[in-house]
Amino acid sequence: MKHLNIDKADSLQPEHVHITANGLRPGGTYRFDMKLRHNYGSHASYCVLKADENGNIDMKTAKPLRGTYFGKDAGPNETR
């Protein structure tokens, strides 16, 4: 069974949100679309990620194959 896990149901814009997916086909590619809507307009991004050998994706460490950004998510003590 596929699961998408998000550590915060609601957050402020500058907060980091940790997103993982599991129960996926090992080595499969998956597209994730994200949208932020607010009073001043909307922001949207997407990425295509590859599941690891166990069928998991951790957006904190996965590097997109393609999308609107190209590097892994850097934590507060890492450089982008």
C-alpha atoms as a PDB file:
ATOM      1  CA  MET A   1       0.000   0.000   0.000  1.00  0.00           C
ATOM      2  CA  LYS A   2       1.334   3.444  -0.935  1.00  0.00           C
ATOM      3  CA  HIS A   3       1.668   6.072   1.790  1.00  0.00           C
ATOM      4  CA  LEU A   4       2.520   9.774   1.643  1.00  0.00           C
ATOM      5  CA  ASN A   5       3.744  11.115   4.993  1.00  0.00           C
ATOM      6  CA  ILE A   6       3.911  14.833   5.825  1.00  0.00           C
ATOM      7  CA  ASP A   7       5.247  15.804   9.241  1.00  0.00           C
ATOM      8  CA  LYS A   8       3.171  19.015   9.543  1.00  0.00           C
ATOM      9  CA  ALA A   9      -0.431  19.267   8.415  1.00  0.00           C
ATOM     10  CA  ASP A  10      -0.163  23.059   8.337  1.00  0.00           C
ATOM     11  CA  SER A  11       2.893  25.296   8.473  1.00  0.00           C
ATOM     12  CA  LEU A  12       4.088  28.822   7.878  1.00  0.00           C
ATOM     13  CA  GLN A  13       5.760  29.515   4.546  1.00  0.00           C
ATOM     14  CA  PRO A  14       9.403  29.600   5.766  1.00  0.00           C
ATOM     15  CA  GLU A  15       9.068  26.372   7.772  1.00  0.00           C
ATOM     16  CA  HIS A  16      10.623  23.167   6.459  1.00  0.00           C
ATOM     17  CA  VAL A  17       8.153  20.313   5.952  1.00  0.00           C
ATOM     18  CA  HIS A  18       9.479  16.733   5.822  1.00  0.00           C
ATOM     19  CA  ILE A  19       7.716  14.628   3.169  1.00  0.00           C
ATOM     20  CA  THR A  20       8.297  10.924   2.580  1.00  0.00           C
ATOM     21  CA  ALA A  21       6.551   8.282   0.497  1.00  0.00           C
ATOM     22  CA  ASN A  22       6.708   4.513   0.991  1.00  0.00           C
ATOM     23  CA  GLY A  23       5.159   1.365  -0.386  1.00  0.00           C
ATOM     24  CA  LEU A  24       6.213   2.374  -3.890  1.00  0.00           C
ATOM     25  CA  ARG A  25       7.608   0.193  -6.660  1.00  0.00           C
ATOM     26  CA  PRO A  26      11.388  -0.069  -6.087  1.00  0.00           C
ATOM     27  CA  GLY A  27      13.197   1.980  -8.733  1.00  0.00           C
ATOM     28  CA  GLY A  28       9.927   3.502  -9.970  1.00  0.00           C
ATOM     29  CA  THR A  29       9.685   7.194 -10.857  1.00  0.00           C
ATOM     30  CA  TYR A  30       7.016   9.385  -9.286  1.00  0.00           C
ATOM     31  CA  ARG A  31       5.900  12.971  -9.878  1.00  0.00           C
ATOM     32  CA  PHE A  32       5.063  15.229  -6.938  1.00  0.00           C
ATOM     33  CA  ASP A  33       3.186  18.508  -7.487  1.00  0.00           C
ATOM     34  CA  MET A  34       3.095  21.157  -4.778  1.00  0.00           C
ATOM     35  CA  LYS A  35       1.027  24.332  -4.676  1.00  0.00           C
ATOM     36  CA  LEU A  36       0.907  27.226  -2.249  1.00  0.00           C
ATOM     37  CA  ARG A  37      -2.054  29.585  -2.437  1.00  0.00           C
ATOM     38  CA  HIS A  38      -2.216  32.835  -0.490  1.00  0.00           C
ATOM     39  CA  ASN A  39      -3.755  36.311  -0.689  1.00  0.00           C
ATOM     40  CA  TYR A  40      -1.080  37.574  -3.094  1.00  0.00           C
ATOM     41  CA  GLY A  41      -1.255  34.749  -5.613  1.00  0.00           C
ATOM     42  CA  SER A  42      -0.023  31.197  -5.995  1.00  0.00           C
ATOM     43  CA  HIS A  43       3.269  29.339  -6.242  1.00  0.00           C
ATOM     44  CA  ALA A  44       3.650  25.903  -7.815  1.00  0.00           C
ATOM     45  CA  SER A  45       6.506  23.447  -8.212  1.00  0.00           C
ATOM     46  CA  TYR A  46       6.967  19.836  -9.179  1.00  0.00           C
ATOM     47  CA  CYS A  47       9.626  17.181  -9.176  1.00  0.00           C
ATOM     48  CA  VAL A  48      10.106  13.663 -10.466  1.00  0.00           C
ATOM     49  CA  LEU A  49      11.872  11.380  -7.990  1.00  0.00           C
ATOM     50  CA  LYS A  50      13.039   7.785  -8.129  1.00  0.00           C
ATOM     51  CA  ALA A  51      12.097   5.362  -5.344  1.00  0.00           C
ATOM     52  CA  ASP A  52      14.995   3.588  -3.659  1.00  0.00           C
ATOM     53  CA  GLU A  53      15.510  -0.194  -3.626  1.00  0.00           C
ATOM     54  CA  ASN A  54      12.989  -0.489  -0.761  1.00  0.00           C
ATOM     55  CA  GLY A  55      10.265   1.541  -2.511  1.00  0.00           C
ATOM     56  CA  ASN A  56      10.801   4.686  -0.423  1.00  0.00           C
ATOM     57  CA  ILE A  57      11.306   8.347  -1.286  1.00  0.00           C
ATOM     58  CA  ASP A  58      12.552  10.900   1.237  1.00  0.00           C
ATOM     59  CA  MET A  59      12.230  14.404  -0.197  1.00  0.00           C
ATOM     60  CA  LYS A  60      14.838  15.675   2.245  1.00  0.00           C
ATOM     61  CA  THR A  61      17.564  13.605   0.587  1.00  0.00           C
ATOM     62  CA  ALA A  62      16.261  12.664  -2.877  1.00  0.00           C
ATOM     63  CA  LYS A  63      17.636  14.555  -5.862  1.00  0.00           C
ATOM     64  CA  PRO A  64      14.999  15.228  -8.543  1.00  0.00           C
ATOM     65  CA  LEU A  65      15.418  13.628 -11.955  1.00  0.00           C
ATOM     66  CA  ARG A  66      13.602  16.664 -13.387  1.00  0.00           C
ATOM     67  CA  GLY A  67      11.250  19.384 -12.276  1.00  0.00           C
ATOM     68  CA  THR A  68      11.238  23.018 -11.250  1.00  0.00           C
ATOM     69  CA  TYR A  69      14.205  22.534  -8.917  1.00  0.00           C
ATOM     70  CA  PHE A  70      17.235  20.317  -9.263  1.00  0.00           C
ATOM     71  CA  GLY A  71      18.934  19.787  -5.900  1.00  0.00           C
ATOM     72  CA  LYS A  72      18.010  17.911  -2.764  1.00  0.00           C
ATOM     73  CA  ASP A  73      16.359  19.883   0.027  1.00  0.00           C
ATOM     74  CA  ALA A  74      19.080  21.353   2.225  1.00  0.00           C
ATOM     75  CA  GLY A  75      18.404  21.389   5.941  1.00  0.00           C
ATOM     76  CA  PRO A  76      19.071  24.404   8.199  1.00  0.00           C
ATOM     77  CA  ASN A  77      22.752  23.447   8.664  1.00  0.00           C
ATOM     78  CA  GLU A  78      23.467  22.571   5.035  1.00  0.00           C
ATOM     79  CA  THR A  79      24.232  24.652   1.974  1.00  0.00           C
ATOM     80  CA  ARG A  80      22.028  24.528  -1.071  1.00  0.00           C
END
